[in-house]
Amino acid sequence: MIVKAIKTRKVTAGSGTLLELLDEYLTELKENSVIAITSKVAALCEGRIVPKDQANKQDLVVREADYYLPKNLSKYGFSFTIIHNTLAPAAGVDESNGNGNYVLWPIDPQKTVNEVRHYLKKRFGLREIGVILTDSTARPLHYGTEGVAIRYSGFSPSNNYIGTPDLFGRTLEVSISNVVDALASAAVVVMGEGAEQTPIAVISDIPFVAFQDHDPTLEELKKFYLEHMEDDLFEPFLRQMGWREGGHRGKG
């Protein structure tokens, strides 16, 4: 697998659309590649910002979240949230590289990745490419952050090994490889977390990725992004937390 980060100009709200940014810096693209784009740069291109002196961060977090926990439960003052089927601190509301603004997640991440995929297919005359919108989050009991896919388009997000034999002939019962988050994590570690100014990455030489010629259907998304906590492996932990409904609940 090859992951190549692409350096761009500084992106600020109002400095151009995401497609214009891709036109400017993505000069070539090969068949069977996946393009990773940070959610922050996509949000900035959409103008999804709120000046810090005009809003309270916790109010924004509650507004953006599907579910949230009060920030006083964390000794670090983080309000943990669920947004777009993703467990994330602060509903993605971030101030790093925001130039005095809080930067939110894109308003419709699935629409964003679908539109980028269709555009790049047409621009480069390709049949099979994928797009991932990434952000960073923490893994419980591990220090530091890693990349996660907010939304994807153009390929199967997982490889299912259930029903196949292992090396010794035992039938696998629960093994499903999370391809999309693994790709997101690889892209984010290459793109960096600070002032690298590389918010786009191209991932190639990925024979384990099953490309698709359509946007993910609602049923496909439901099979990957779990709708209900009770279906999650970590449900015993999640259901204990006393989640409160946020302002985004039921809006998409």
Protein backbone atom coordinates (compact mmCIF):
# COMPACT_ATOMS: atom_id res chain seq x y z
CA MET A 1 0.00 0.00 0.00
CA ILE A 2 1.24 3.48 -0.89
CA VAL A 3 -0.10 6.57 0.90
CA LYS A 4 0.95 9.91 -0.56
CA ALA A 5 0.03 13.14 1.23
CA ILE A 6 -0.55 16.27 -0.85
CA LYS A 7 0.57 19.66 0.40
CA THR A 8 -1.80 22.56 -0.27
CA ARG A 9 -2.04 26.25 0.44
CA LYS A 10 -3.56 27.30 3.75
CA VAL A 11 -7.27 26.67 3.52
CA THR A 12 -9.62 29.08 5.24
CA ALA A 13 -13.35 29.58 5.07
CA GLY A 14 -14.25 31.41 1.88
CA SER A 15 -10.97 30.58 0.11
CA GLY A 16 -12.62 28.27 -2.41
CA THR A 17 -14.69 25.14 -2.77
CA LEU A 18 -13.44 21.63 -2.11
CA LEU A 19 -13.63 20.74 -5.81
CA GLU A 20 -11.58 23.83 -6.65
CA LEU A 21 -8.96 22.75 -4.11
CA LEU A 22 -8.81 19.28 -5.66
CA ASP A 23 -8.48 20.82 -9.13
CA GLU A 24 -5.59 22.90 -7.87
CA TYR A 25 -3.56 20.16 -6.22
CA LEU A 26 -4.72 16.75 -7.43
CA THR A 27 -3.10 16.69 -10.86
CA GLU A 28 -3.26 12.96 -11.56
CA LEU A 29 -5.16 9.96 -10.30
CA LYS A 30 -4.95 6.29 -11.16
CA GLU A 31 -7.65 3.66 -11.34
CA ASN A 32 -8.33 1.79 -8.08
CA SER A 33 -7.13 4.59 -5.81
CA VAL A 34 -8.75 5.96 -2.66
CA ILE A 35 -8.63 9.70 -1.93
CA ALA A 36 -8.68 10.69 1.74
CA ILE A 37 -9.72 14.22 2.68
CA THR A 38 -9.72 15.66 6.17
CA SER A 39 -13.13 16.65 7.45
CA LYS A 40 -11.67 19.98 8.56
CA VAL A 41 -10.62 21.11 5.09
CA ALA A 42 -13.96 19.94 3.66
CA ALA A 43 -15.79 21.88 6.38
CA LEU A 44 -13.72 25.01 5.79
CA CYS A 45 -14.51 24.83 2.09
CA GLU A 46 -18.21 24.61 3.02
CA GLY A 47 -17.92 27.58 5.38
CA ARG A 48 -18.82 25.44 8.39
CA ILE A 49 -17.26 27.75 10.96
CA VAL A 50 -18.40 29.79 13.94
CA PRO A 51 -16.21 32.65 15.27
CA LYS A 52 -14.97 31.78 18.75
CA ASP A 53 -16.04 35.12 20.15
CA GLN A 54 -19.61 34.57 18.97
CA ALA A 55 -20.37 31.15 20.46
CA ASN A 56 -19.91 28.92 23.45
CA LYS A 57 -18.14 25.71 22.45
CA GLN A 58 -20.25 23.44 24.64
CA ASP A 59 -23.44 24.93 23.17
CA LEU A 60 -22.10 24.10 19.70
CA VAL A 61 -21.22 20.56 20.79
CA VAL A 62 -24.74 19.94 22.09
CA ARG A 63 -26.26 21.43 18.95
CA GLU A 64 -24.14 19.32 16.60
CA ALA A 65 -24.36 16.01 18.49
CA ASP A 66 -26.88 13.22 18.11
CA TYR A 67 -26.12 12.23 21.71
CA TYR A 68 -23.76 13.78 24.22
CA LEU A 69 -22.40 13.44 27.73
CA PRO A 70 -21.86 16.48 29.98
CA LYS A 71 -18.26 17.65 29.89
CA ASN A 72 -17.95 17.59 33.68
CA LEU A 73 -17.82 13.78 33.50
CA SER A 74 -14.35 14.06 31.97
CA LYS A 75 -11.38 15.31 33.97
CA TYR A 76 -10.11 16.78 30.69
CA GLY A 77 -13.32 18.75 30.17
CA PHE A 78 -14.29 16.89 26.99
CA SER A 79 -17.91 16.26 26.17
CA PHE A 80 -18.09 12.87 24.49
CA THR A 81 -20.63 12.60 21.71
CA ILE A 82 -22.13 10.39 19.05
CA ILE A 83 -22.50 12.09 15.67
CA HIS A 84 -23.02 10.45 12.28
CA ASN A 85 -22.76 7.04 13.97
CA THR A 86 -19.31 7.88 15.26
CA LEU A 87 -18.13 8.17 18.86
CA ALA A 88 -16.13 11.40 18.98
CA PRO A 89 -15.04 14.07 21.43
CA ALA A 90 -16.95 17.35 21.14
CA ALA A 91 -19.05 16.32 18.10
CA GLY A 92 -16.09 17.19 15.87
CA VAL A 93 -16.15 20.85 16.96
CA ASP A 94 -12.50 21.89 16.81
CA GLU A 95 -10.47 25.09 17.01
CA SER A 96 -7.06 23.89 15.81
CA ASN A 97 -6.11 25.36 12.43
CA GLY A 98 -9.36 27.32 12.55
CA ASN A 99 -7.82 30.81 12.51
CA GLY A 100 -9.93 32.06 15.41
CA ASN A 101 -12.99 29.96 14.54
CA TYR A 102 -14.60 26.78 15.72
CA VAL A 103 -14.69 24.39 12.76
CA LEU A 104 -17.62 21.96 12.59
CA TRP A 105 -17.99 18.77 10.60
CA PRO A 106 -19.37 19.07 7.05
CA ILE A 107 -23.14 19.43 7.05
CA ASP A 108 -23.72 16.21 5.07
CA PRO A 109 -20.55 14.08 4.98
CA GLN A 110 -22.08 11.37 2.77
CA LYS A 111 -23.13 13.92 0.17
CA THR A 112 -19.63 15.38 0.25
CA VAL A 113 -17.82 12.10 -0.47
CA ASN A 114 -20.35 11.06 -3.11
CA GLU A 115 -19.99 14.37 -4.96
CA VAL A 116 -16.19 14.26 -4.82
CA ARG A 117 -16.14 10.69 -6.17
CA HIS A 118 -18.47 11.50 -9.08
CA TYR A 119 -16.48 14.60 -9.91
CA LEU A 120 -13.08 12.89 -9.88
CA LYS A 121 -14.35 9.93 -11.90
CA LYS A 122 -15.50 12.30 -14.61
CA ARG A 123 -12.46 14.56 -14.45
CA PHE A 124 -9.90 11.75 -14.76
CA GLY A 125 -12.02 9.34 -16.83
CA LEU A 126 -11.87 6.55 -14.25
CA ARG A 127 -14.22 3.69 -13.41
CA GLU A 128 -13.27 2.71 -9.87
CA ILE A 129 -12.05 5.11 -7.21
CA GLY A 130 -12.95 5.62 -3.58
CA VAL A 131 -13.24 8.66 -1.32
CA ILE A 132 -12.93 8.88 2.47
CA LEU A 133 -13.67 11.82 4.74
CA THR A 134 -11.43 11.51 7.80
CA ASP A 135 -11.06 12.88 11.29
CA SER A 136 -9.07 11.90 14.37
CA THR A 137 -10.31 10.35 17.57
CA ALA A 138 -8.93 8.44 20.53
CA ARG A 139 -9.13 4.69 21.17
CA PRO A 140 -10.10 3.70 24.73
CA LEU A 141 -7.12 2.63 26.86
CA HIS A 142 -4.65 3.76 24.16
CA TYR A 143 -2.79 7.07 24.33
CA GLY A 144 -3.00 9.45 21.36
CA THR A 145 -5.29 9.80 18.37
CA GLU A 146 -5.81 7.90 15.14
CA GLY A 147 -7.76 8.40 11.96
CA VAL A 148 -11.35 7.35 11.51
CA ALA A 149 -13.63 7.49 8.47
CA ILE A 150 -16.65 9.73 8.93
CA ARG A 151 -18.04 8.62 5.57
CA TYR A 152 -16.84 6.76 2.49
CA SER A 153 -17.89 6.15 -1.11
CA GLY A 154 -16.88 3.89 -3.98
CA PHE A 155 -15.79 0.70 -2.26
CA SER A 156 -16.85 -1.88 0.29
CA PRO A 157 -15.99 -0.65 3.81
CA SER A 158 -15.21 -4.11 5.11
CA ASN A 159 -14.02 -7.56 4.12
CA ASN A 160 -16.14 -10.34 5.58
CA TYR A 161 -14.32 -13.52 6.61
CA ILE A 162 -17.29 -15.12 8.37
CA GLY A 163 -17.86 -18.65 7.10
CA THR A 164 -14.35 -19.03 5.68
CA PRO A 165 -11.71 -21.35 7.18
CA ASP A 166 -8.69 -20.18 9.12
CA LEU A 167 -5.22 -21.70 8.62
CA PHE A 168 -6.25 -24.87 10.43
CA GLY A 169 -9.68 -25.32 8.90
CA ARG A 170 -11.71 -23.79 11.72
CA THR A 171 -14.65 -21.81 10.39
CA LEU A 172 -14.41 -18.13 11.28
CA GLU A 173 -17.54 -16.86 13.02
CA VAL A 174 -17.01 -13.16 13.77
CA SER A 175 -14.06 -11.90 11.69
CA ILE A 176 -14.88 -8.81 9.64
CA SER A 177 -11.99 -6.57 8.60
CA ASN A 178 -12.74 -2.83 8.90
CA VAL A 179 -11.11 -1.66 5.68
CA VAL A 180 -12.35 1.92 5.58
CA ASP A 181 -11.16 2.91 9.06
CA ALA A 182 -7.82 1.19 8.48
CA LEU A 183 -7.36 3.25 5.32
CA ALA A 184 -8.41 6.40 7.18
CA SER A 185 -5.91 5.71 9.96
CA ALA A 186 -3.09 5.16 7.45
CA ALA A 187 -3.98 8.38 5.63
CA VAL A 188 -4.24 10.49 8.79
CA VAL A 189 -0.86 9.38 10.15
CA VAL A 190 0.72 10.42 6.84
CA MET A 191 -1.24 13.68 6.53
CA GLY A 192 -0.35 14.61 10.11
CA GLU A 193 -2.17 16.31 12.96
CA GLY A 194 -0.50 19.72 13.22
CA ALA A 195 0.88 22.29 10.80
CA GLU A 196 1.84 19.88 7.99
CA GLN A 197 -0.66 21.50 5.62
CA THR A 198 -1.34 18.17 3.84
CA PRO A 199 -5.13 17.64 4.11
CA ILE A 200 -5.41 15.30 1.11
CA ALA A 201 -3.88 11.87 0.60
CA VAL A 202 -4.00 9.37 -2.26
CA ILE A 203 -3.91 5.69 -1.32
CA SER A 204 -2.92 3.22 -4.05
CA ASP A 205 -1.71 -0.36 -4.51
CA ILE A 206 -4.58 -1.69 -2.41
CA PRO A 207 -5.62 -5.08 -3.83
CA PHE A 208 -7.61 -5.86 -0.67
CA VAL A 209 -10.12 -3.08 -1.44
CA ALA A 210 -13.29 -4.14 -3.27
CA PHE A 211 -14.29 -1.14 -5.38
CA GLN A 212 -17.92 -0.46 -6.27
CA ASP A 213 -19.43 1.54 -9.13
CA HIS A 214 -22.14 3.13 -6.97
CA ASP A 215 -22.60 5.34 -3.94
CA PRO A 216 -23.20 3.36 -0.73
CA THR A 217 -26.86 2.52 -0.37
CA LEU A 218 -28.70 3.21 2.87
CA GLU A 219 -28.74 -0.50 3.60
CA GLU A 220 -24.98 -0.77 3.04
CA LEU A 221 -24.35 2.16 5.36
CA LYS A 222 -26.57 0.59 8.04
CA LYS A 223 -24.48 -2.58 7.91
CA PHE A 224 -21.30 -0.64 8.60
CA TYR A 225 -22.28 2.32 10.78
CA LEU A 226 -24.34 0.72 13.52
CA GLU A 227 -27.66 2.47 14.11
CA HIS A 228 -28.33 1.12 17.58
CA MET A 229 -26.02 0.87 20.58
CA GLU A 230 -27.47 -2.52 21.51
CA ASP A 231 -25.94 -3.97 18.33
CA ASP A 232 -22.43 -2.80 19.22
CA LEU A 233 -19.75 -5.05 20.71
CA PHE A 234 -19.17 -2.39 23.37
CA GLU A 235 -22.86 -2.04 24.22
CA PRO A 236 -22.34 -2.98 27.92
CA PHE A 237 -20.16 0.12 28.28
CA LEU A 238 -22.15 2.45 26.02
CA ARG A 239 -25.54 1.85 27.59
CA GLN A 240 -24.25 2.67 31.08
CA MET A 241 -23.41 6.25 30.22
CA GLY A 242 -26.71 8.11 30.40
CA TRP A 243 -26.56 9.72 26.98
CA ARG A 244 -28.57 12.88 26.37
CA GLU A 245 -30.12 13.80 23.03
CA GLY A 246 -28.34 16.54 21.15
CA GLY A 247 -29.67 19.01 18.63
CA HIS A 248 -28.63 16.94 15.61
CA ARG A 249 -30.63 13.86 16.61
CA GLY A 250 -32.96 12.80 13.79
CA LYS A 251 -31.52 15.26 11.25
CA GLY A 252 -29.35 12.85 9.33
